[in-house]
Amino acid sequence: MARRSKLLAVLGAALVLAGPVVPVGAEAGGLHSAVARGAAKGTARAATKASTRVLRHDLVRDRATLARPLARERSVFRYTTADKARRELRAGIAPGTHMTSRAVRGRPLAAGKAQSRYGLQNRPDVRETVRLPGRHPVRINRAVGGAQGVGEITSPKRVPARAIERVVPLKPGR
């Protein structure tokens, strides 16, 4: 009996190892593509779960952080899409929206670089320069999902549209 189970184990291992080597026929092509589709769906599902987890962690952390009024006005950047920037120029920036911790001189980051540095879900099209008024309440934290040591600001109150000083398009590259 031990000899038979050993033989079955060897045959099973041979089939597993020989599977990718066997030429793909018309019948087997369906199986291979089904396996690939399943793997792709599983990867997409895992990525969606991971991004949902990051967003939830970010929201919980933002709500737990106390909002403090700024001692004096501060210039910050907001990386966003062109459509959102147009809406924000009319209605202002919604409460809880993320902005960089400071605006520094220099060329704007490329879209891909801004996305990775600040942990953005979507690739931005533009960079808004926002001047937050003094005494405006803000929460200062680290950017979740972004580069190490990069900060962000959120505000529990709407930032008025007049605080947006300029909108600069970004280069689409990395």
N, C-alpha and C. Protein backbone atom coordinates (compact mmCIF):
# COMPACT_ATOMS: atom_id res chain seq x y z
N MET A 1 0.82 -1.18 0.00
CA MET A 1 0.00 0.00 0.00
C MET A 1 0.87 1.26 0.00
N ALA A 2 1.95 1.24 0.77
CA ALA A 2 2.84 2.39 0.83
C ALA A 2 3.48 2.64 -0.53
N ARG A 3 3.73 1.52 -1.25
CA ARG A 3 4.34 1.62 -2.57
C ARG A 3 3.38 2.29 -3.56
N ARG A 4 2.08 1.95 -3.45
CA ARG A 4 1.07 2.53 -4.35
C ARG A 4 0.92 4.04 -4.09
N SER A 5 0.85 4.47 -2.84
CA SER A 5 0.70 5.90 -2.53
C SER A 5 1.95 6.68 -2.95
N LYS A 6 3.11 6.02 -2.85
CA LYS A 6 4.34 6.67 -3.29
C LYS A 6 4.31 6.89 -4.80
N LEU A 7 3.82 5.88 -5.54
CA LEU A 7 3.71 5.97 -6.99
C LEU A 7 2.72 7.07 -7.39
N LEU A 8 1.60 7.14 -6.70
CA LEU A 8 0.60 8.20 -6.98
C LEU A 8 1.19 9.59 -6.70
N ALA A 9 1.96 9.71 -5.65
CA ALA A 9 2.57 10.99 -5.32
C ALA A 9 3.56 11.41 -6.41
N VAL A 10 4.35 10.46 -6.91
CA VAL A 10 5.32 10.75 -7.96
C VAL A 10 4.60 11.14 -9.25
N LEU A 11 3.53 10.39 -9.60
CA LEU A 11 2.75 10.71 -10.80
C LEU A 11 2.09 12.09 -10.69
N GLY A 12 1.55 12.40 -9.53
CA GLY A 12 0.93 13.71 -9.32
C GLY A 12 1.94 14.83 -9.46
N ALA A 13 3.12 14.64 -8.88
CA ALA A 13 4.17 15.65 -9.01
C ALA A 13 4.61 15.81 -10.45
N ALA A 14 4.69 14.70 -11.18
CA ALA A 14 5.09 14.76 -12.60
C ALA A 14 4.06 15.52 -13.41
N LEU A 15 2.79 15.30 -13.13
CA LEU A 15 1.73 16.03 -13.86
C LEU A 15 1.77 17.52 -13.55
N VAL A 16 2.00 17.86 -12.30
CA VAL A 16 2.08 19.27 -11.93
C VAL A 16 3.26 19.94 -12.61
N LEU A 17 4.40 19.29 -12.59
CA LEU A 17 5.60 19.86 -13.20
C LEU A 17 5.51 19.89 -14.72
N ALA A 18 4.88 18.89 -15.32
CA ALA A 18 4.80 18.81 -16.78
C ALA A 18 3.68 19.68 -17.33
N GLY A 19 2.77 20.14 -16.50
CA GLY A 19 1.64 20.94 -16.96
C GLY A 19 2.04 22.12 -17.82
N PRO A 20 2.95 22.99 -17.38
CA PRO A 20 3.32 24.14 -18.19
C PRO A 20 4.12 23.78 -19.44
N VAL A 21 4.75 22.60 -19.46
CA VAL A 21 5.59 22.20 -20.57
C VAL A 21 4.75 21.64 -21.72
N VAL A 22 3.62 21.05 -21.41
CA VAL A 22 2.77 20.43 -22.43
C VAL A 22 2.25 21.50 -23.37
N PRO A 23 2.33 21.30 -24.70
CA PRO A 23 1.82 22.30 -25.63
C PRO A 23 0.32 22.53 -25.41
N VAL A 24 -0.06 23.77 -25.51
CA VAL A 24 -1.44 24.15 -25.25
C VAL A 24 -2.26 23.87 -26.49
N GLY A 25 -3.26 22.99 -26.36
CA GLY A 25 -4.15 22.69 -27.46
C GLY A 25 -5.40 23.54 -27.37
N ALA A 26 -6.34 23.28 -28.23
CA ALA A 26 -7.58 24.06 -28.24
C ALA A 26 -8.36 23.86 -26.95
N GLU A 27 -8.38 22.60 -26.43
CA GLU A 27 -9.14 22.32 -25.22
C GLU A 27 -8.42 22.90 -24.00
N ALA A 28 -7.11 22.76 -23.95
CA ALA A 28 -6.36 23.21 -22.80
C ALA A 28 -6.23 24.73 -22.77
N GLY A 29 -6.35 25.40 -23.91
CA GLY A 29 -6.25 26.86 -23.95
C GLY A 29 -7.31 27.51 -23.09
N GLY A 30 -8.49 26.93 -23.08
CA GLY A 30 -9.56 27.46 -22.24
C GLY A 30 -9.20 27.37 -20.77
N LEU A 31 -8.58 26.25 -20.39
CA LEU A 31 -8.20 26.06 -19.00
C LEU A 31 -7.13 27.07 -18.60
N HIS A 32 -6.08 27.22 -19.44
CA HIS A 32 -5.00 28.16 -19.12
C HIS A 32 -5.51 29.59 -19.05
N SER A 33 -6.36 29.98 -19.97
CA SER A 33 -6.86 31.36 -19.94
C SER A 33 -7.80 31.56 -18.76
N ALA A 34 -8.56 30.51 -18.38
CA ALA A 34 -9.43 30.62 -17.21
C ALA A 34 -8.60 30.79 -15.94
N VAL A 35 -7.49 30.07 -15.86
CA VAL A 35 -6.60 30.21 -14.69
C VAL A 35 -6.02 31.62 -14.66
N ALA A 36 -5.61 32.14 -15.81
CA ALA A 36 -5.04 33.49 -15.88
C ALA A 36 -6.09 34.53 -15.49
N ARG A 37 -7.32 34.35 -15.98
CA ARG A 37 -8.40 35.29 -15.63
C ARG A 37 -8.65 35.27 -14.14
N GLY A 38 -8.69 34.08 -13.56
CA GLY A 38 -8.91 33.95 -12.12
C GLY A 38 -7.81 34.62 -11.32
N ALA A 39 -6.57 34.45 -11.77
CA ALA A 39 -5.44 35.09 -11.07
C ALA A 39 -5.54 36.61 -11.17
N ALA A 40 -5.91 37.11 -12.36
CA ALA A 40 -6.03 38.56 -12.54
C ALA A 40 -7.15 39.13 -11.67
N LYS A 41 -8.28 38.42 -11.60
CA LYS A 41 -9.38 38.88 -10.75
C LYS A 41 -8.98 38.88 -9.30
N GLY A 42 -8.26 37.83 -8.88
CA GLY A 42 -7.81 37.75 -7.50
C GLY A 42 -6.86 38.88 -7.15
N THR A 43 -5.96 39.22 -8.08
CA THR A 43 -5.02 40.31 -7.86
C THR A 43 -5.76 41.63 -7.78
N ALA A 44 -6.72 41.86 -8.68
CA ALA A 44 -7.50 43.09 -8.66
C ALA A 44 -8.29 43.21 -7.36
N ARG A 45 -8.87 42.10 -6.92
CA ARG A 45 -9.64 42.10 -5.68
C ARG A 45 -8.73 42.44 -4.49
N ALA A 46 -7.53 41.87 -4.48
CA ALA A 46 -6.59 42.13 -3.38
C ALA A 46 -6.15 43.59 -3.39
N ALA A 47 -5.92 44.15 -4.58
CA ALA A 47 -5.52 45.56 -4.67
C ALA A 47 -6.64 46.46 -4.20
N THR A 48 -7.88 46.13 -4.55
CA THR A 48 -9.02 46.93 -4.11
C THR A 48 -9.16 46.88 -2.59
N LYS A 49 -9.00 45.68 -2.03
CA LYS A 49 -9.09 45.56 -0.57
C LYS A 49 -7.99 46.36 0.11
N ALA A 50 -6.77 46.31 -0.44
CA ALA A 50 -5.65 47.04 0.15
C ALA A 50 -5.89 48.54 0.10
N SER A 51 -6.38 49.05 -1.04
CA SER A 51 -6.61 50.50 -1.14
C SER A 51 -7.76 50.91 -0.23
N THR A 52 -8.78 50.07 -0.09
CA THR A 52 -9.88 50.37 0.82
C THR A 52 -9.38 50.42 2.25
N ARG A 53 -8.49 49.50 2.59
CA ARG A 53 -7.91 49.47 3.94
C ARG A 53 -7.12 50.74 4.22
N VAL A 54 -6.33 51.19 3.24
CA VAL A 54 -5.53 52.41 3.40
C VAL A 54 -6.45 53.62 3.57
N LEU A 55 -7.48 53.71 2.73
CA LEU A 55 -8.41 54.84 2.83
C LEU A 55 -9.14 54.86 4.17
N ARG A 56 -9.53 53.69 4.65
CA ARG A 56 -10.22 53.61 5.94
C ARG A 56 -9.28 54.05 7.06
N HIS A 57 -8.03 53.57 7.01
CA HIS A 57 -7.05 53.95 8.02
C HIS A 57 -6.83 55.47 8.00
N ASP A 58 -6.76 56.05 6.81
CA ASP A 58 -6.56 57.48 6.65
C ASP A 58 -7.73 58.26 7.24
N LEU A 59 -8.95 57.82 6.97
CA LEU A 59 -10.14 58.50 7.46
C LEU A 59 -10.22 58.43 8.99
N VAL A 60 -9.97 57.26 9.55
CA VAL A 60 -10.01 57.09 11.00
C VAL A 60 -8.94 57.95 11.66
N ARG A 61 -7.74 57.95 11.09
CA ARG A 61 -6.66 58.75 11.65
C ARG A 61 -6.97 60.24 11.58
N ASP A 62 -7.53 60.70 10.43
CA ASP A 62 -7.88 62.12 10.30
C ASP A 62 -8.93 62.54 11.32
N ARG A 63 -9.93 61.69 11.53
CA ARG A 63 -10.98 62.03 12.51
C ARG A 63 -10.45 62.04 13.93
N ALA A 64 -9.44 61.23 14.22
CA ALA A 64 -8.89 61.17 15.57
C ALA A 64 -7.94 62.34 15.86
N THR A 65 -7.41 62.97 14.82
CA THR A 65 -6.47 64.07 15.01
C THR A 65 -7.23 65.36 15.31
N LEU A 66 -6.80 66.06 16.34
CA LEU A 66 -7.43 67.33 16.69
C LEU A 66 -7.10 68.41 15.66
N ALA A 67 -8.09 69.20 15.32
CA ALA A 67 -7.87 70.33 14.42
C ALA A 67 -7.39 71.52 15.24
N ARG A 68 -6.32 72.13 14.76
CA ARG A 68 -5.77 73.30 15.45
C ARG A 68 -5.75 74.47 14.49
N PRO A 69 -6.01 75.67 14.96
CA PRO A 69 -5.96 76.83 14.07
C PRO A 69 -4.53 77.17 13.68
N LEU A 70 -4.34 77.56 12.43
CA LEU A 70 -3.02 77.98 11.97
C LEU A 70 -2.62 79.28 12.67
N ALA A 71 -1.37 79.37 13.06
CA ALA A 71 -0.88 80.59 13.72
C ALA A 71 -0.88 81.76 12.74
N ARG A 72 -0.51 81.50 11.49
CA ARG A 72 -0.53 82.52 10.44
C ARG A 72 -0.86 81.85 9.12
N GLU A 73 -1.11 82.62 8.09
CA GLU A 73 -1.50 82.00 6.82
C GLU A 73 -0.36 81.14 6.28
N ARG A 74 -0.74 80.13 5.51
CA ARG A 74 0.23 79.17 5.00
C ARG A 74 -0.14 78.80 3.57
N SER A 75 0.87 78.71 2.71
CA SER A 75 0.65 78.26 1.33
C SER A 75 0.90 76.76 1.25
N VAL A 76 -0.04 76.07 0.61
CA VAL A 76 0.07 74.62 0.43
C VAL A 76 -0.30 74.29 -1.01
N PHE A 77 -0.02 73.06 -1.42
CA PHE A 77 -0.41 72.59 -2.75
C PHE A 77 -1.51 71.56 -2.60
N ARG A 78 -2.30 71.43 -3.63
CA ARG A 78 -3.30 70.37 -3.72
C ARG A 78 -3.19 69.77 -5.11
N TYR A 79 -2.85 68.48 -5.19
CA TYR A 79 -2.76 67.77 -6.47
C TYR A 79 -4.10 67.11 -6.73
N THR A 80 -4.70 67.39 -7.88
CA THR A 80 -6.02 66.87 -8.17
C THR A 80 -6.25 66.77 -9.68
N THR A 81 -7.44 66.33 -10.05
CA THR A 81 -7.79 66.24 -11.47
C THR A 81 -8.27 67.61 -11.95
N ALA A 82 -8.27 67.81 -13.25
CA ALA A 82 -8.69 69.09 -13.82
C ALA A 82 -10.16 69.37 -13.53
N ASP A 83 -11.01 68.34 -13.58
CA ASP A 83 -12.44 68.53 -13.29
C ASP A 83 -12.68 68.98 -11.86
N LYS A 84 -12.01 68.33 -10.91
CA LYS A 84 -12.16 68.73 -9.50
C LYS A 84 -11.65 70.14 -9.29
N ALA A 85 -10.56 70.51 -9.96
CA ALA A 85 -10.00 71.86 -9.80
C ALA A 85 -11.01 72.91 -10.28
N ARG A 86 -11.69 72.63 -11.41
CA ARG A 86 -12.70 73.58 -11.91
C ARG A 86 -13.84 73.74 -10.90
N ARG A 87 -14.29 72.62 -10.33
CA ARG A 87 -15.36 72.68 -9.33
C ARG A 87 -14.91 73.44 -8.08
N GLU A 88 -13.66 73.20 -7.66
CA GLU A 88 -13.15 73.86 -6.46
C GLU A 88 -12.94 75.36 -6.67
N LEU A 89 -12.64 75.77 -7.89
CA LEU A 89 -12.52 77.20 -8.18
C LEU A 89 -13.87 77.92 -8.02
N ARG A 90 -14.96 77.19 -8.24
CA ARG A 90 -16.29 77.77 -8.07
C ARG A 90 -16.79 77.68 -6.63
N ALA A 91 -16.64 76.50 -6.01
CA ALA A 91 -17.30 76.25 -4.73
C ALA A 91 -16.35 76.16 -3.53
N GLY A 92 -15.06 76.18 -3.75
CA GLY A 92 -14.11 76.02 -2.66
C GLY A 92 -13.73 74.56 -2.47
N ILE A 93 -12.84 74.30 -1.52
CA ILE A 93 -12.33 72.95 -1.27
C ILE A 93 -13.12 72.35 -0.11
N ALA A 94 -13.67 71.18 -0.34
CA ALA A 94 -14.53 70.51 0.63
C ALA A 94 -13.78 70.16 1.92
N PRO A 95 -14.51 70.08 3.04
CA PRO A 95 -13.87 69.66 4.30
C PRO A 95 -13.29 68.25 4.18
N GLY A 96 -12.15 68.02 4.83
CA GLY A 96 -11.52 66.71 4.83
C GLY A 96 -10.66 66.43 3.61
N THR A 97 -10.53 67.39 2.70
CA THR A 97 -9.73 67.21 1.50
C THR A 97 -8.25 67.34 1.84
N HIS A 98 -7.42 66.50 1.22
CA HIS A 98 -5.99 66.48 1.52
C HIS A 98 -5.21 67.49 0.70
N MET A 99 -4.24 68.12 1.36
CA MET A 99 -3.32 69.07 0.73
C MET A 99 -1.92 68.77 1.25
N THR A 100 -0.90 69.27 0.56
CA THR A 100 0.47 69.07 1.05
C THR A 100 0.67 69.92 2.30
N SER A 101 1.72 69.63 3.05
CA SER A 101 1.92 70.36 4.29
C SER A 101 2.47 71.77 4.05
N ARG A 102 3.23 71.94 2.98
CA ARG A 102 3.78 73.27 2.64
C ARG A 102 3.93 73.38 1.14
N ALA A 103 3.90 74.61 0.65
CA ALA A 103 4.19 74.87 -0.76
C ALA A 103 5.63 75.36 -0.84
N VAL A 104 6.44 74.67 -1.60
CA VAL A 104 7.84 75.08 -1.76
C VAL A 104 8.05 75.55 -3.19
N ARG A 105 8.99 76.44 -3.36
CA ARG A 105 9.27 76.96 -4.70
C ARG A 105 9.78 75.87 -5.61
N GLY A 106 9.61 76.10 -6.89
CA GLY A 106 10.16 75.16 -7.86
C GLY A 106 9.12 74.62 -8.81
N ARG A 107 9.61 73.83 -9.72
CA ARG A 107 8.75 73.21 -10.72
C ARG A 107 7.79 72.23 -10.08
N PRO A 108 6.58 72.10 -10.63
CA PRO A 108 5.66 71.10 -10.09
C PRO A 108 6.18 69.69 -10.36
N LEU A 109 5.85 68.78 -9.48
CA LEU A 109 6.22 67.38 -9.68
C LEU A 109 5.49 66.82 -10.90
N ALA A 110 6.07 65.83 -11.55
CA ALA A 110 5.35 65.12 -12.61
C ALA A 110 4.19 64.37 -11.95
N ALA A 111 3.16 64.08 -12.74
CA ALA A 111 1.94 63.47 -12.20
C ALA A 111 2.22 62.16 -11.46
N GLY A 112 3.01 61.28 -12.04
CA GLY A 112 3.31 60.00 -11.41
C GLY A 112 4.11 60.15 -10.12
N LYS A 113 5.03 61.10 -10.12
CA LYS A 113 5.86 61.35 -8.93
C LYS A 113 4.99 61.90 -7.79
N ALA A 114 4.07 62.80 -8.12
CA ALA A 114 3.16 63.35 -7.11
C ALA A 114 2.27 62.25 -6.55
N GLN A 115 1.80 61.37 -7.42
CA GLN A 115 0.93 60.28 -6.99
C GLN A 115 1.66 59.36 -6.01
N SER A 116 2.90 59.01 -6.31
CA SER A 116 3.63 58.11 -5.41
C SER A 116 4.09 58.82 -4.14
N ARG A 117 4.51 60.07 -4.23
CA ARG A 117 5.00 60.78 -3.05
C ARG A 117 3.90 61.02 -2.03
N TYR A 118 2.71 61.38 -2.49
CA TYR A 118 1.63 61.73 -1.57
C TYR A 118 0.61 60.60 -1.39
N GLY A 119 0.81 59.44 -2.01
CA GLY A 119 -0.09 58.31 -1.83
C GLY A 119 -1.47 58.56 -2.41
N LEU A 120 -1.53 59.23 -3.56
CA LEU A 120 -2.83 59.56 -4.17
C LEU A 120 -3.42 58.34 -4.87
N GLN A 121 -4.74 58.21 -4.82
CA GLN A 121 -5.42 57.08 -5.48
C GLN A 121 -5.42 57.25 -6.99
N ASN A 122 -5.64 58.48 -7.47
CA ASN A 122 -5.71 58.76 -8.90
C ASN A 122 -4.55 59.64 -9.32
N ARG A 123 -4.15 59.53 -10.57
CA ARG A 123 -3.07 60.36 -11.09
C ARG A 123 -3.60 61.79 -11.27
N PRO A 124 -2.93 62.78 -10.69
CA PRO A 124 -3.42 64.16 -10.79
C PRO A 124 -3.11 64.78 -12.15
N ASP A 125 -3.91 65.77 -12.53
CA ASP A 125 -3.71 66.52 -13.78
C ASP A 125 -3.13 67.91 -13.51
N VAL A 126 -3.47 68.47 -12.34
CA VAL A 126 -3.08 69.85 -12.02
C VAL A 126 -2.60 69.95 -10.58
N ARG A 127 -1.90 71.05 -10.31
CA ARG A 127 -1.50 71.39 -8.94
C ARG A 127 -2.10 72.74 -8.61
N GLU A 128 -2.91 72.79 -7.58
CA GLU A 128 -3.47 74.06 -7.11
C GLU A 128 -2.55 74.63 -6.03
N THR A 129 -2.34 75.93 -6.06
CA THR A 129 -1.64 76.60 -4.97
C THR A 129 -2.71 77.25 -4.12
N VAL A 130 -2.76 76.86 -2.84
CA VAL A 130 -3.82 77.32 -1.94
C VAL A 130 -3.17 78.08 -0.80
N ARG A 131 -3.70 79.26 -0.51
CA ARG A 131 -3.23 80.03 0.64
C ARG A 131 -4.28 79.91 1.74
N LEU A 132 -3.95 79.10 2.76
CA LEU A 132 -4.87 78.92 3.88
C LEU A 132 -4.81 80.14 4.78
N PRO A 133 -5.95 80.73 5.11
CA PRO A 133 -5.94 81.93 5.95
C PRO A 133 -5.51 81.61 7.39
N GLY A 134 -4.95 82.58 8.05
CA GLY A 134 -4.58 82.42 9.45
C GLY A 134 -5.81 82.10 10.29
N ARG A 135 -5.63 81.35 11.36
CA ARG A 135 -6.69 80.92 12.26
C ARG A 135 -7.62 79.87 11.64
N HIS A 136 -7.34 79.42 10.40
CA HIS A 136 -8.16 78.38 9.78
C HIS A 136 -7.81 77.04 10.44
N PRO A 137 -8.80 76.26 10.89
CA PRO A 137 -8.49 75.00 11.57
C PRO A 137 -7.96 73.95 10.59
N VAL A 138 -6.87 73.27 10.98
CA VAL A 138 -6.29 72.22 10.13
C VAL A 138 -5.83 71.06 11.00
N ARG A 139 -5.73 69.90 10.35
CA ARG A 139 -5.14 68.71 10.96
C ARG A 139 -3.86 68.42 10.19
N ILE A 140 -2.75 68.27 10.89
CA ILE A 140 -1.46 67.99 10.24
C ILE A 140 -1.08 66.55 10.57
N ASN A 141 -0.85 65.76 9.52
CA ASN A 141 -0.51 64.34 9.66
C ASN A 141 0.53 63.95 8.63
N ARG A 142 0.90 62.67 8.64
CA ARG A 142 1.74 62.09 7.61
C ARG A 142 0.84 61.55 6.50
N ALA A 143 1.33 61.59 5.28
CA ALA A 143 0.57 61.09 4.13
C ALA A 143 0.55 59.56 4.15
N VAL A 144 -0.63 58.98 4.31
CA VAL A 144 -0.77 57.52 4.34
C VAL A 144 -0.60 56.98 2.92
N GLY A 145 0.26 55.99 2.76
CA GLY A 145 0.49 55.40 1.44
C GLY A 145 1.48 56.18 0.60
N GLY A 146 2.02 57.27 1.13
CA GLY A 146 2.97 58.09 0.39
C GLY A 146 4.40 57.77 0.78
N ALA A 147 5.30 58.62 0.34
CA ALA A 147 6.71 58.44 0.66
C ALA A 147 6.94 58.68 2.16
N GLN A 148 8.01 58.11 2.66
CA GLN A 148 8.31 58.21 4.07
C GLN A 148 8.59 59.65 4.47
N GLY A 149 7.96 60.11 5.56
CA GLY A 149 8.21 61.43 6.09
C GLY A 149 7.48 62.56 5.39
N VAL A 150 6.58 62.26 4.47
CA VAL A 150 5.85 63.31 3.74
C VAL A 150 4.58 63.64 4.51
N GLY A 151 4.35 64.93 4.73
CA GLY A 151 3.20 65.36 5.50
C GLY A 151 2.03 65.79 4.63
N GLU A 152 0.87 65.92 5.28
CA GLU A 152 -0.33 66.39 4.61
C GLU A 152 -1.16 67.21 5.58
N ILE A 153 -2.04 68.01 5.02
CA ILE A 153 -2.95 68.83 5.83
C ILE A 153 -4.36 68.55 5.36
N THR A 154 -5.29 68.43 6.31
CA THR A 154 -6.71 68.40 6.00
C THR A 154 -7.37 69.46 6.88
N SER A 155 -8.54 69.90 6.47
CA SER A 155 -9.27 70.88 7.26
C SER A 155 -10.69 70.40 7.48
N PRO A 156 -11.20 70.54 8.71
CA PRO A 156 -12.59 70.14 8.96
C PRO A 156 -13.60 71.15 8.40
N LYS A 157 -13.11 72.33 8.00
CA LYS A 157 -13.98 73.36 7.43
C LYS A 157 -13.68 73.53 5.94
N ARG A 158 -14.67 74.00 5.20
CA ARG A 158 -14.49 74.29 3.78
C ARG A 158 -13.47 75.41 3.60
N VAL A 159 -12.56 75.21 2.64
CA VAL A 159 -11.59 76.26 2.29
C VAL A 159 -12.25 77.09 1.20
N PRO A 160 -12.34 78.41 1.38
CA PRO A 160 -13.05 79.23 0.39
C PRO A 160 -12.35 79.22 -0.98
N ALA A 161 -13.14 79.41 -2.03
CA ALA A 161 -12.61 79.39 -3.40
C ALA A 161 -11.58 80.49 -3.61
N ARG A 162 -11.72 81.61 -2.95
CA ARG A 162 -10.77 82.72 -3.11
C ARG A 162 -9.38 82.39 -2.57
N ALA A 163 -9.28 81.29 -1.78
CA ALA A 163 -7.98 80.87 -1.25
C ALA A 163 -7.12 80.17 -2.30
N ILE A 164 -7.75 79.71 -3.40
CA ILE A 164 -7.00 79.05 -4.47
C ILE A 164 -6.38 80.14 -5.33
N GLU A 165 -5.04 80.23 -5.28
CA GLU A 165 -4.35 81.31 -5.98
C GLU A 165 -4.09 81.00 -7.44
N ARG A 166 -3.67 79.76 -7.73
CA ARG A 166 -3.41 79.39 -9.13
C ARG A 166 -3.50 77.90 -9.33
N VAL A 167 -3.69 77.53 -10.60
CA VAL A 167 -3.79 76.13 -11.00
C VAL A 167 -2.79 75.91 -12.12
N VAL A 168 -1.88 74.96 -11.92
CA VAL A 168 -0.81 74.69 -12.88
C VAL A 168 -0.98 73.26 -13.41
N PRO A 169 -1.00 73.07 -14.74
CA PRO A 169 -1.07 71.70 -15.27
C PRO A 169 0.23 70.94 -15.01
N LEU A 170 0.11 69.62 -14.84
CA LEU A 170 1.27 68.77 -14.57
C LEU A 170 1.70 68.03 -15.81
N LYS A 171 2.98 67.71 -15.87
CA LYS A 171 3.46 66.83 -16.94
C LYS A 171 2.95 65.43 -16.65
N PRO A 172 2.51 64.70 -17.68
CA PRO A 172 1.93 63.39 -17.43
C PRO A 172 2.94 62.30 -17.08
N GLY A 173 4.21 62.53 -17.21
CA GLY A 173 5.22 61.47 -17.01
C GLY A 173 5.36 61.02 -15.59
N ARG A 174 6.33 60.12 -15.40
CA ARG A 174 6.63 59.59 -14.06
C ARG A 174 7.43 60.60 -13.33
